Protein backbone atom coordinates (compact mmCIF):
# COMPACT_ATOMS: atom_id res chain seq x y z
CA MET A 1 -22.28 2.99 -12.52
CA LYS A 2 -21.61 0.76 -9.58
CA ASP A 3 -18.43 1.43 -7.53
CA THR A 4 -15.25 -0.89 -8.08
CA TYR A 5 -14.53 -1.98 -4.39
CA THR A 6 -12.42 -5.17 -5.47
CA TYR A 7 -10.74 -5.84 -8.79
CA GLN A 8 -8.78 -8.98 -9.91
CA ILE A 9 -5.45 -8.73 -11.65
CA GLY A 10 -3.83 -11.97 -12.48
CA GLU A 11 -3.90 -14.41 -9.50
CA ASN A 12 -4.77 -11.68 -6.98
CA LEU A 13 -7.63 -10.00 -5.94
CA TYR A 14 -7.01 -6.08 -4.96
CA VAL A 15 -9.38 -4.21 -2.27
CA ASN A 16 -10.17 -0.27 -3.06
CA LEU A 17 -10.81 0.87 0.31
CA THR A 18 -10.81 4.58 -0.06
CA ASN A 19 -9.56 7.20 -2.37
CA ARG A 20 -8.17 9.26 0.30
CA CYS A 21 -4.43 9.65 0.21
CA THR A 22 -1.51 11.36 1.82
CA ASN A 23 0.55 11.67 -1.54
CA ARG A 24 0.18 13.31 -4.75
CA CYS A 25 2.75 11.29 -6.53
CA THR A 26 3.73 12.63 -10.15
CA PHE A 27 3.64 8.98 -11.20
CA CYS A 28 0.37 7.56 -10.13
CA VAL A 29 -2.28 6.03 -11.99
CA ARG A 30 -4.81 8.05 -9.95
CA SER A 31 -4.69 10.66 -12.93
CA LYS A 32 -6.16 8.05 -15.02
CA LYS A 33 -10.04 7.53 -15.21
CA THR A 34 -9.49 3.81 -14.98
CA TYR A 35 -6.85 1.38 -14.40
CA GLU A 36 -6.62 -2.33 -15.94
CA GLY A 37 -10.34 -1.13 -16.84
CA TYR A 38 -11.61 -0.67 -13.68
CA SER A 39 -12.87 2.60 -12.69
CA LEU A 40 -11.37 2.85 -9.33
CA TRP A 41 -12.94 6.32 -8.24
CA LEU A 42 -15.33 6.03 -5.59
CA GLN A 43 -18.51 7.98 -6.20
CA GLY A 44 -20.89 6.46 -3.75
CA GLY A 45 -18.42 6.97 -0.62
CA GLU A 46 -16.34 4.55 0.96
CA PRO A 47 -17.39 0.61 0.95
CA THR A 48 -18.43 -0.98 4.63
CA VAL A 49 -16.06 -3.98 5.51
CA GLU A 50 -19.44 -6.21 5.18
CA GLN A 51 -19.55 -5.20 1.39
CA ILE A 52 -15.74 -5.94 0.84
CA ALA A 53 -16.21 -9.44 2.61
CA ALA A 54 -18.84 -10.19 0.60
CA GLU A 55 -17.19 -9.35 -2.80
CA ILE A 56 -14.15 -11.24 -1.56
CA GLY A 57 -16.05 -14.17 -0.98
CA ASP A 58 -13.72 -17.26 -0.93
CA PRO A 59 -9.85 -15.85 -0.42
CA LYS A 60 -8.30 -19.10 -1.47
CA ARG A 61 -9.65 -18.59 -5.07
CA TYR A 62 -6.65 -15.93 -5.17
CA ARG A 63 -2.79 -16.13 -4.33
CA GLU A 64 -3.31 -13.27 -2.33
CA VAL A 65 -5.96 -10.28 -1.14
CA VAL A 66 -4.35 -6.99 -1.56
CA PHE A 67 -5.31 -3.88 0.14
CA CYS A 68 -4.66 -1.32 -2.87
CA GLY A 69 -6.75 1.07 -4.87
CA PHE A 70 -7.09 4.59 -5.68
CA GLY A 71 -6.27 5.49 -1.84
CA GLU A 72 -3.75 4.98 0.90
CA PRO A 73 -5.40 1.74 2.79
CA THR A 74 -4.08 2.79 5.93
CA CYS A 75 -6.38 5.79 5.80
CA ARG A 76 -9.17 2.85 6.66
CA LEU A 77 -6.75 1.19 9.19
CA ARG A 78 -9.24 -0.54 11.36
CA GLU A 79 -11.48 -1.67 8.33
CA MET A 80 -8.43 -2.92 6.68
CA LEU A 81 -7.24 -5.08 9.81
CA SER A 82 -10.90 -6.40 10.40
CA LEU A 83 -10.94 -7.64 6.78
CA CYS A 84 -7.25 -9.14 7.34
CA ASP A 85 -8.98 -11.22 9.98
CA THR A 86 -12.19 -12.20 7.73
CA VAL A 87 -9.62 -13.28 5.14
CA HIS A 88 -7.21 -15.63 7.45
CA ALA A 89 -10.35 -16.97 8.99
CA ARG A 90 -11.59 -17.95 5.22
CA GLY A 91 -7.82 -19.38 4.70
CA GLY A 92 -6.67 -16.34 2.54
CA LYS A 93 -3.70 -14.68 2.59
CA THR A 94 -3.21 -10.80 2.85
CA ARG A 95 -0.79 -8.25 1.65
CA VAL A 96 -0.86 -4.22 1.67
CA ASN A 97 0.41 -2.01 -0.71
CA THR A 98 1.36 1.24 1.61
CA ASN A 99 2.75 4.48 1.39
CA GLY A 100 4.19 3.85 4.62
CA HIS A 101 2.16 6.95 6.22
CA GLY A 102 -0.24 4.76 8.79
CA SER A 103 1.67 5.72 11.78
CA LEU A 104 1.67 9.33 10.98
CA ILE A 105 -2.16 9.30 9.92
CA ALA A 106 -3.20 7.25 13.47
CA GLY A 107 -0.65 9.03 15.29
CA LYS A 108 0.85 5.98 16.70
CA ASP A 109 2.89 3.16 15.73
CA VAL A 110 0.86 0.89 13.79
CA ALA A 111 3.24 -1.72 12.59
CA PRO A 112 2.54 -3.82 15.66
CA LEU A 113 -0.89 -3.92 14.64
CA PHE A 114 -0.02 -5.71 11.31
CA ALA A 115 1.40 -8.83 13.07
CA GLY A 116 -0.74 -11.98 12.49
CA LYS A 117 -2.76 -9.82 10.12
CA LEU A 118 -0.67 -9.15 7.02
CA ASP A 119 1.62 -11.53 5.34
CA GLY A 120 3.10 -9.19 2.99
CA VAL A 121 3.67 -5.30 3.79
CA ASN A 122 4.98 -3.30 0.42
CA ILE A 123 6.10 0.19 1.24
CA SER A 124 6.45 2.38 -1.49
CA LEU A 125 10.19 4.14 -1.30
CA ASN A 126 10.34 5.68 -4.41
CA ALA A 127 13.04 8.15 -3.54
CA PRO A 128 16.39 7.76 -1.71
CA THR A 129 16.24 11.11 0.01
CA LYS A 130 13.95 13.55 1.56
CA GLU A 131 14.02 16.18 -1.10
CA ALA A 132 13.76 13.75 -3.94
CA TYR A 133 10.78 12.24 -2.07
CA ASP A 134 9.00 15.62 -1.77
CA ALA A 135 9.61 16.29 -5.24
CA LEU A 136 8.45 12.97 -6.81
CA CYS A 137 5.65 12.21 -4.11
CA ARG A 138 4.45 15.49 -3.28
CA PRO A 139 3.15 14.62 0.22
CA GLN A 140 0.28 16.47 1.96
CA ILE A 141 1.42 15.86 5.36
CA PRO A 142 4.56 17.14 7.22
CA ASN A 143 7.74 14.68 7.80
CA ALA A 144 6.20 12.05 5.28
CA PHE A 145 9.67 10.60 4.12
CA GLU A 146 10.74 10.38 7.77
CA GLY A 147 7.65 8.76 8.96
CA MET A 148 7.73 6.42 6.04
CA LEU A 149 11.29 5.39 7.19
CA ALA A 150 10.34 4.85 10.67
CA PHE A 151 7.28 2.70 9.92
CA ALA A 152 9.66 0.37 7.59
CA LYS A 153 11.77 0.13 10.43
CA SER A 154 8.97 -0.66 12.94
CA CYS A 155 8.06 -3.51 10.42
CA LYS A 156 11.46 -4.82 10.47
CA ARG A 157 11.56 -5.06 14.52
CA CYS A 158 8.09 -6.70 14.59
CA GLY A 159 9.20 -9.28 12.23
CA LEU A 160 6.94 -8.36 9.62
CA ASN A 161 7.48 -9.83 5.92
CA ALA A 162 7.78 -5.95 4.74
CA TRP A 163 9.90 -4.77 1.66
CA PHE A 164 10.53 -1.65 -0.12
CA SER A 165 9.44 -1.06 -3.80
CA VAL A 166 10.57 1.56 -6.19
CA VAL A 167 9.47 2.23 -9.70
CA ASP A 168 12.36 1.81 -12.27
CA CYS A 169 11.83 5.27 -14.29
CA ILE A 170 13.98 7.16 -11.63
CA GLY A 171 17.38 6.64 -12.69
CA SER A 172 20.23 4.11 -12.07
CA GLU A 173 21.85 6.78 -9.44
CA LYS A 174 18.73 7.10 -7.51
CA LEU A 175 18.02 3.33 -7.76
CA ALA A 176 21.49 2.49 -6.53
CA ALA A 177 20.90 4.98 -3.56
CA CYS A 178 17.49 3.55 -2.54
CA ARG A 179 19.31 -0.02 -2.52
CA ALA A 180 21.82 1.35 0.09
CA LEU A 181 18.87 3.18 2.15
CA ALA A 182 16.84 -0.36 2.20
CA GLU A 183 20.07 -2.17 3.39
CA GLU A 184 20.53 0.47 6.08
CA VAL A 185 17.03 -0.10 7.08
CA GLY A 186 17.36 -3.86 6.74
CA ILE A 187 14.53 -4.73 4.55
CA PRO A 188 14.73 -6.03 0.60
CA LEU A 189 14.17 -3.44 -2.03
CA ARG A 190 12.17 -4.58 -5.20
CA VAL A 191 12.22 -2.54 -8.32
CA ARG A 192 8.97 -2.52 -10.00
CA GLU A 193 7.98 -1.18 -13.41
CA MET A 194 6.33 2.17 -14.39
CA ILE A 195 2.80 1.52 -15.12
CA GLU A 196 2.21 3.73 -18.22
């Protein structure tokens, strides 16, 4: 069976660059074998930039090309940014759905690299405190919550179109605390529906 490198949901094309992730979120769809009918586990290894570019084709057919699969896209930062250039050269728009650990993974601030490459940066906040974040997202790297917030602040400084997202299942008290934290950082918060 052929690995799924790109998949369409609605008007967007999603890019499944990797299955590697620095979190083991309790609510993650990775626990399922498929998502929206697509099998996103990569059995034959990670795709090349050329393979993805060929599958994207004309990005103007889609509202956005979104880097989001069964892994954290910034684990393949160089490849993702190269594909952003390809999409923009072909007249398309780009977004990344990220856990915000890119700078921790790279060992440097990666937000400045996103300028001119990504039209949208969706950062999964998911919890208002380190303790709640660690329990919900089960990060596999140290200082994950602090690193995610530092990345978000850098996105703000760089003038990127960035926002936090949180799943609606965390409860009204934590949602209110997430809103307050987002206001403190200075980027918007979007509440998204829990995927069953």
